[in-house]
Amino acid sequence: MGKEPFKSGFIAILGAPNVGKSTLLNQILGQKISITSEKPQTTRTRILGVLHRPHAQLIFLDTPGVHQAKQTLNKRMVKIALGTLGDVDQILYVIDASRPDEDSDAFLLRNLRKVKTPVILAINKVDLIEKESLLPLMETWNKRHPFHAVVPISALKDIQIDQLLDEMSVLLPEGPLYFPEDTITDQPVRLIASEMLREKIFRLTSQEIPYSVAVTIDTFTEIPDKNRVDIEATIHVERDSQKGIIIGKGGTMLKKIGSMARLDIQRMVGSQVFLKLWVRVQKNWSKNAQALSGFGY
């Protein structure tokens, strides 16, 4: 028997906001590179994650949630997501079994029809629905688009993730080893550190705050002889009132954000982290195209 050919390719993870795309990517890779929260639109940029299998390399783009956007920031994020469709070898389309988002899904399916890229549907969060409702749900979705496969999963509970990966591996074209075998992501550590900070703000602050926040890493200094990384970061907000909320009474909220983020960053870099945070008001940055580009969106 001949040697099994090596397969590789780029896969866009696509779906409405808050369906569990980032949780799925983290589960597939076995570590956290994409931030998650209960609030929609957590992911703002394409995160590239690499999974190495015995005869295949799957390269994932975790895209922002696709919806019919009105604000400048959200329009930019949707453009990033839809921009991946023509450049990839396959699309992994994720839906939330427990909470349908008809508007976003109709918008997404219209865009999927414009490309010839094969699509696999992952019906996520099946642990949250009654078993007997799953089959009718799969049948309904099979009628909506000619999916290559439909796989019910739970990203959080690690249900049927291997089956999903098998389906994706079958679809991959023969190709080279794009990344060395120890590569998990192409994202710089600085960017992941800033995203981890943004995640803590998402999780700890009230509704309005997260959507008006950007984080920049001002200095990232490795001190090998002390096994330490020193980081200075700025949290950018749009209004003075938001700055007050992020700092909190006597600086308590900022301390909490910092200590939670520091633990995550320490796990990622494998050394002690000294983290210093600043909060800066930059009026209406999320509506300003120049500011968006400056923050990397």
Protein backbone atom coordinates (compact mmCIF):
# COMPACT_ATOMS: atom_id res chain seq x y z
CA MET A 1 0.00 0.00 0.00
CA GLY A 2 1.23 3.50 -0.85
CA LYS A 3 1.99 6.13 1.75
CA GLU A 4 -1.04 8.19 2.83
CA PRO A 5 -0.82 11.63 1.16
CA PHE A 6 -0.32 14.68 3.39
CA LYS A 7 -3.23 17.12 3.32
CA SER A 8 -3.40 20.74 4.41
CA GLY A 9 -5.59 23.76 4.00
CA PHE A 10 -7.15 26.93 5.38
CA ILE A 11 -10.55 26.80 7.09
CA ALA A 12 -12.68 29.85 7.95
CA ILE A 13 -14.83 29.45 11.07
CA LEU A 14 -17.94 31.44 10.29
CA GLY A 15 -21.22 32.13 12.07
CA ALA A 16 -23.51 34.67 13.72
CA PRO A 17 -22.28 36.48 16.87
CA ASN A 18 -22.03 34.40 20.04
CA VAL A 19 -22.52 30.91 18.58
CA GLY A 20 -19.31 29.58 20.18
CA LYS A 21 -16.74 29.93 17.37
CA SER A 22 -13.89 30.99 19.65
CA THR A 23 -14.72 28.31 22.23
CA LEU A 24 -14.65 25.74 19.40
CA LEU A 25 -11.26 26.93 18.14
CA ASN A 26 -9.78 26.79 21.66
CA GLN A 27 -11.22 23.27 22.13
CA ILE A 28 -9.78 22.09 18.78
CA LEU A 29 -6.33 23.47 19.57
CA GLY A 30 -6.34 22.32 23.19
CA GLN A 31 -5.37 25.78 24.43
CA LYS A 32 -6.69 29.31 24.60
CA ILE A 33 -5.74 31.60 21.75
CA SER A 34 -9.12 33.18 21.01
CA ILE A 35 -11.07 35.14 23.60
CA THR A 36 -14.56 34.17 24.70
CA SER A 37 -17.38 35.80 26.64
CA GLU A 38 -21.15 35.72 27.02
CA LYS A 39 -21.42 38.98 25.09
CA PRO A 40 -21.65 38.90 21.27
CA GLN A 41 -18.92 40.33 19.02
CA THR A 42 -16.03 39.37 21.31
CA THR A 43 -13.71 38.46 18.43
CA ARG A 44 -12.64 41.50 16.41
CA THR A 45 -9.81 40.19 14.28
CA ARG A 46 -9.05 36.98 12.38
CA ILE A 47 -7.14 34.63 14.68
CA LEU A 48 -5.11 31.97 12.94
CA GLY A 49 -4.83 28.63 14.79
CA VAL A 50 -2.97 25.55 13.54
CA LEU A 51 -3.94 21.95 14.31
CA HIS A 52 -1.45 19.18 13.54
CA ARG A 53 -2.83 15.70 12.82
CA PRO A 54 -0.81 12.63 11.73
CA HIS A 55 -1.43 13.18 7.98
CA ALA A 56 -2.91 16.65 7.90
CA GLN A 57 -2.49 20.27 8.95
CA LEU A 58 -5.69 22.27 9.52
CA ILE A 59 -5.22 26.03 9.59
CA PHE A 60 -8.16 27.89 11.13
CA LEU A 61 -9.27 31.50 10.81
CA ASP A 62 -11.60 32.46 13.68
CA THR A 63 -13.64 35.34 12.29
CA PRO A 64 -15.80 37.99 13.99
CA GLY A 65 -19.52 37.15 14.20
CA VAL A 66 -21.32 38.03 10.96
CA HIS A 67 -24.43 40.19 11.15
CA GLN A 68 -25.94 43.14 9.28
CA ALA A 69 -23.79 45.83 10.85
CA LYS A 70 -24.61 49.53 11.23
CA GLN A 71 -21.67 50.93 13.24
CA THR A 72 -18.26 51.65 11.67
CA LEU A 73 -16.43 49.18 13.96
CA ASN A 74 -18.96 46.40 13.35
CA LYS A 75 -18.97 47.00 9.57
CA ARG A 76 -15.17 46.68 9.60
CA MET A 77 -15.42 43.42 11.59
CA VAL A 78 -18.03 41.89 9.24
CA LYS A 79 -15.88 42.87 6.23
CA ILE A 80 -12.96 41.00 7.84
CA ALA A 81 -15.13 37.89 8.31
CA LEU A 82 -16.66 37.84 4.81
CA GLY A 83 -13.26 38.64 3.28
CA THR A 84 -12.04 35.15 4.23
CA LEU A 85 -14.64 33.25 2.19
CA GLY A 86 -12.90 33.33 -1.18
CA ASP A 87 -9.40 32.75 0.21
CA VAL A 88 -9.93 29.46 2.07
CA ASP A 89 -10.13 25.75 1.18
CA GLN A 90 -13.27 25.16 3.23
CA ILE A 91 -15.72 26.91 5.53
CA LEU A 92 -16.79 25.65 8.94
CA TYR A 93 -20.19 27.24 9.54
CA VAL A 94 -21.22 27.22 13.22
CA ILE A 95 -24.77 27.72 14.50
CA ASP A 96 -26.20 27.71 18.02
CA ALA A 97 -28.76 24.88 18.35
CA SER A 98 -30.30 26.49 21.43
CA ARG A 99 -30.73 30.05 20.11
CA PRO A 100 -31.40 30.50 16.36
CA ASP A 101 -30.37 33.84 14.85
CA GLU A 102 -32.55 33.93 11.72
CA ASP A 103 -31.46 37.38 10.47
CA SER A 104 -27.73 36.73 10.73
CA ASP A 105 -28.04 33.21 9.30
CA ALA A 106 -30.11 34.38 6.30
CA PHE A 107 -27.48 37.09 5.65
CA LEU A 108 -24.68 34.52 5.95
CA LEU A 109 -26.33 31.92 3.72
CA ARG A 110 -26.77 34.57 1.00
CA ASN A 111 -23.02 35.22 1.16
CA LEU A 112 -22.18 31.49 1.17
CA ARG A 113 -24.12 31.04 -2.09
CA LYS A 114 -21.72 33.48 -3.78
CA VAL A 115 -18.68 31.22 -3.26
CA LYS A 116 -17.81 27.72 -4.48
CA THR A 117 -15.93 26.85 -1.27
CA PRO A 118 -17.23 23.62 0.37
CA VAL A 119 -19.04 24.18 3.69
CA ILE A 120 -19.35 21.92 6.75
CA LEU A 121 -22.09 22.81 9.23
CA ALA A 122 -21.40 22.39 12.95
CA ILE A 123 -24.59 22.53 15.03
CA ASN A 124 -23.12 23.71 18.35
CA LYS A 125 -24.49 23.60 21.93
CA VAL A 126 -26.47 20.37 21.34
CA ASP A 127 -26.09 19.70 25.07
CA LEU A 128 -28.62 22.51 25.64
CA ILE A 129 -31.48 21.07 23.53
CA GLU A 130 -33.82 18.07 23.75
CA LYS A 131 -32.43 15.02 21.88
CA GLU A 132 -35.61 14.55 19.83
CA SER A 133 -35.39 18.06 18.38
CA LEU A 134 -31.92 17.46 16.88
CA LEU A 135 -32.92 15.35 13.84
CA PRO A 136 -35.62 17.82 12.61
CA LEU A 137 -33.08 20.65 13.09
CA MET A 138 -30.49 18.81 10.97
CA GLU A 139 -33.09 18.13 8.26
CA THR A 140 -34.13 21.81 8.19
CA TRP A 141 -30.52 22.94 7.74
CA ASN A 142 -29.80 20.33 5.08
CA LYS A 143 -32.52 21.97 2.98
CA ARG A 144 -31.05 25.45 3.40
CA HIS A 145 -27.66 24.80 1.77
CA PRO A 146 -25.79 21.91 0.10
CA PHE A 147 -23.47 21.30 3.09
CA HIS A 148 -20.70 18.75 2.64
CA ALA A 149 -21.55 17.41 6.13
CA VAL A 150 -23.71 18.36 9.11
CA VAL A 151 -22.18 17.51 12.51
CA PRO A 152 -23.92 18.12 15.89
CA ILE A 153 -21.33 19.17 18.51
CA SER A 154 -20.78 20.84 21.85
CA ALA A 155 -17.59 22.92 21.81
CA LEU A 156 -17.77 23.50 25.56
CA LYS A 157 -18.36 19.85 26.51
CA ASP A 158 -16.03 18.42 23.80
CA ILE A 159 -18.85 16.39 22.16
CA GLN A 160 -18.17 15.04 18.63
CA ILE A 161 -15.21 17.37 18.02
CA ASP A 162 -13.11 14.46 16.68
CA GLN A 163 -15.88 13.50 14.24
CA LEU A 164 -15.99 17.12 13.05
CA LEU A 165 -12.20 17.13 12.56
CA ASP A 166 -12.42 13.86 10.60
CA GLU A 167 -14.98 15.41 8.22
CA MET A 168 -12.78 18.48 7.76
CA SER A 169 -9.63 16.39 7.18
CA VAL A 170 -11.38 14.36 4.44
CA LEU A 171 -12.24 17.61 2.62
CA LEU A 172 -8.71 19.04 2.67
CA PRO A 173 -6.68 19.08 -0.55
CA GLU A 174 -3.22 17.49 -0.69
CA GLY A 175 -0.75 20.17 0.33
CA PRO A 176 2.48 21.12 2.08
CA LEU A 177 3.28 21.56 5.78
CA TYR A 178 2.57 25.31 5.92
CA PHE A 179 3.70 25.74 9.54
CA PRO A 180 6.32 23.95 11.69
CA GLU A 181 4.81 21.26 13.93
CA ASP A 182 5.22 23.31 17.13
CA THR A 183 3.18 26.26 15.75
CA ILE A 184 -0.23 26.77 17.35
CA THR A 185 -0.94 30.30 16.08
CA ASP A 186 0.65 32.99 13.90
CA GLN A 187 -0.55 35.70 16.27
CA PRO A 188 2.19 37.58 18.12
CA VAL A 189 2.19 37.00 21.90
CA ARG A 190 1.65 40.75 22.36
CA LEU A 191 -1.65 40.60 20.44
CA ILE A 192 -2.93 37.59 22.39
CA ALA A 193 -1.96 39.37 25.65
CA SER A 194 -3.99 42.44 24.60
CA GLU A 195 -6.94 40.20 23.67
CA MET A 196 -6.77 38.47 27.07
CA LEU A 197 -7.00 41.88 28.75
CA ARG A 198 -9.98 42.80 26.55
CA GLU A 199 -11.68 39.53 27.49
CA LYS A 200 -11.47 40.35 31.22
CA ILE A 201 -13.04 43.76 30.54
CA PHE A 202 -15.84 41.98 28.62
CA ARG A 203 -16.44 39.60 31.51
CA LEU A 204 -16.22 42.08 34.40
CA THR A 205 -17.85 45.29 33.18
CA SER A 206 -21.38 46.37 32.32
CA GLN A 207 -23.07 46.19 28.92
CA GLU A 208 -21.91 49.45 27.31
CA ILE A 209 -18.23 49.25 28.22
CA PRO A 210 -16.78 46.35 26.20
CA TYR A 211 -17.87 47.71 22.83
CA SER A 212 -16.08 51.00 23.48
CA VAL A 213 -12.77 49.43 24.55
CA ALA A 214 -9.55 48.78 22.67
CA VAL A 215 -6.30 47.58 24.27
CA THR A 216 -2.77 48.35 23.11
CA ILE A 217 0.41 46.81 24.48
CA ASP A 218 2.86 49.70 24.87
CA THR A 219 5.89 47.72 26.08
CA PHE A 220 6.54 43.97 26.23
CA THR A 221 9.93 43.26 27.78
CA GLU A 222 11.27 39.75 28.35
CA ILE A 223 13.77 39.45 31.24
CA PRO A 224 15.16 35.89 30.80
CA ASP A 225 17.54 35.90 33.82
CA LYS A 226 14.56 36.66 36.11
CA ASN A 227 12.11 34.42 34.15
CA ARG A 228 9.81 37.44 33.93
CA VAL A 229 7.91 39.46 31.32
CA ASP A 230 7.15 43.14 32.01
CA ILE A 231 4.11 44.50 30.18
CA GLU A 232 2.68 48.01 30.05
CA ALA A 233 -0.74 48.31 28.39
CA THR A 234 -3.28 51.05 27.72
CA ILE A 235 -7.04 50.50 27.83
CA HIS A 236 -8.66 52.99 25.43
CA VAL A 237 -12.26 54.10 26.08
CA GLU A 238 -14.54 56.69 24.49
CA ARG A 239 -15.86 58.63 27.49
CA ASP A 240 -14.73 59.82 30.94
CA SER A 241 -17.61 57.91 32.56
CA GLN A 242 -16.30 54.67 31.01
CA LYS A 243 -12.83 55.42 32.34
CA GLY A 244 -14.33 55.75 35.83
CA ILE A 245 -16.10 52.38 35.53
CA ILE A 246 -12.94 50.59 34.34
CA ILE A 247 -10.81 52.05 37.13
CA GLY A 248 -13.53 51.42 39.73
CA LYS A 249 -13.75 52.73 43.29
CA GLY A 250 -10.22 53.17 44.62
CA GLY A 251 -8.89 51.36 41.51
CA THR A 252 -10.55 48.04 42.46
CA MET A 253 -11.93 47.17 39.01
CA LEU A 254 -8.63 47.90 37.23
CA LYS A 255 -6.79 45.73 39.80
CA LYS A 256 -9.26 42.88 39.21
CA ILE A 257 -8.94 43.14 35.40
CA GLY A 258 -5.15 43.19 35.73
CA SER A 259 -4.81 40.25 38.11
CA MET A 260 -7.17 38.00 36.08
CA ALA A 261 -5.43 38.86 32.79
CA ARG A 262 -1.99 38.39 34.35
CA LEU A 263 -2.81 34.77 35.29
CA ASP A 264 -3.88 33.98 31.71
CA ILE A 265 -0.80 35.66 30.21
CA GLN A 266 1.49 33.82 32.67
CA ARG A 267 0.02 30.49 31.54
CA MET A 268 0.65 31.46 27.92
CA VAL A 269 4.25 32.71 28.28
CA GLY A 270 5.31 30.21 30.98
CA SER A 271 6.94 32.80 33.24
CA GLN A 272 6.09 35.48 35.81
CA VAL A 273 4.33 38.56 34.42
CA PHE A 274 4.50 42.09 35.78
CA LEU A 275 1.54 44.01 34.31
CA LYS A 276 1.03 47.77 34.49
CA LEU A 277 -2.25 49.22 33.15
CA TRP A 278 -3.28 52.71 32.05
CA VAL A 279 -6.73 53.96 31.01
CA ARG A 280 -7.02 56.64 28.31
CA VAL A 281 -10.06 58.44 26.89
CA GLN A 282 -10.08 58.68 23.07
CA LYS A 283 -13.40 60.24 22.03
CA ASN A 284 -15.52 58.12 19.62
CA TRP A 285 -12.61 55.95 18.44
CA SER A 286 -14.96 53.10 17.35
CA LYS A 287 -16.60 55.40 14.75
CA ASN A 288 -13.29 56.76 13.43
CA ALA A 289 -11.76 54.84 10.50
CA GLN A 290 -8.25 56.15 11.24
CA ALA A 291 -8.43 55.13 14.91
CA LEU A 292 -9.78 51.68 13.92
CA SER A 293 -6.82 51.13 11.62
CA GLY A 294 -4.46 52.34 14.36
CA PHE A 295 -5.86 49.69 16.70
CA GLY A 296 -5.41 47.02 14.03
CA TYR A 297 -9.03 46.61 12.87
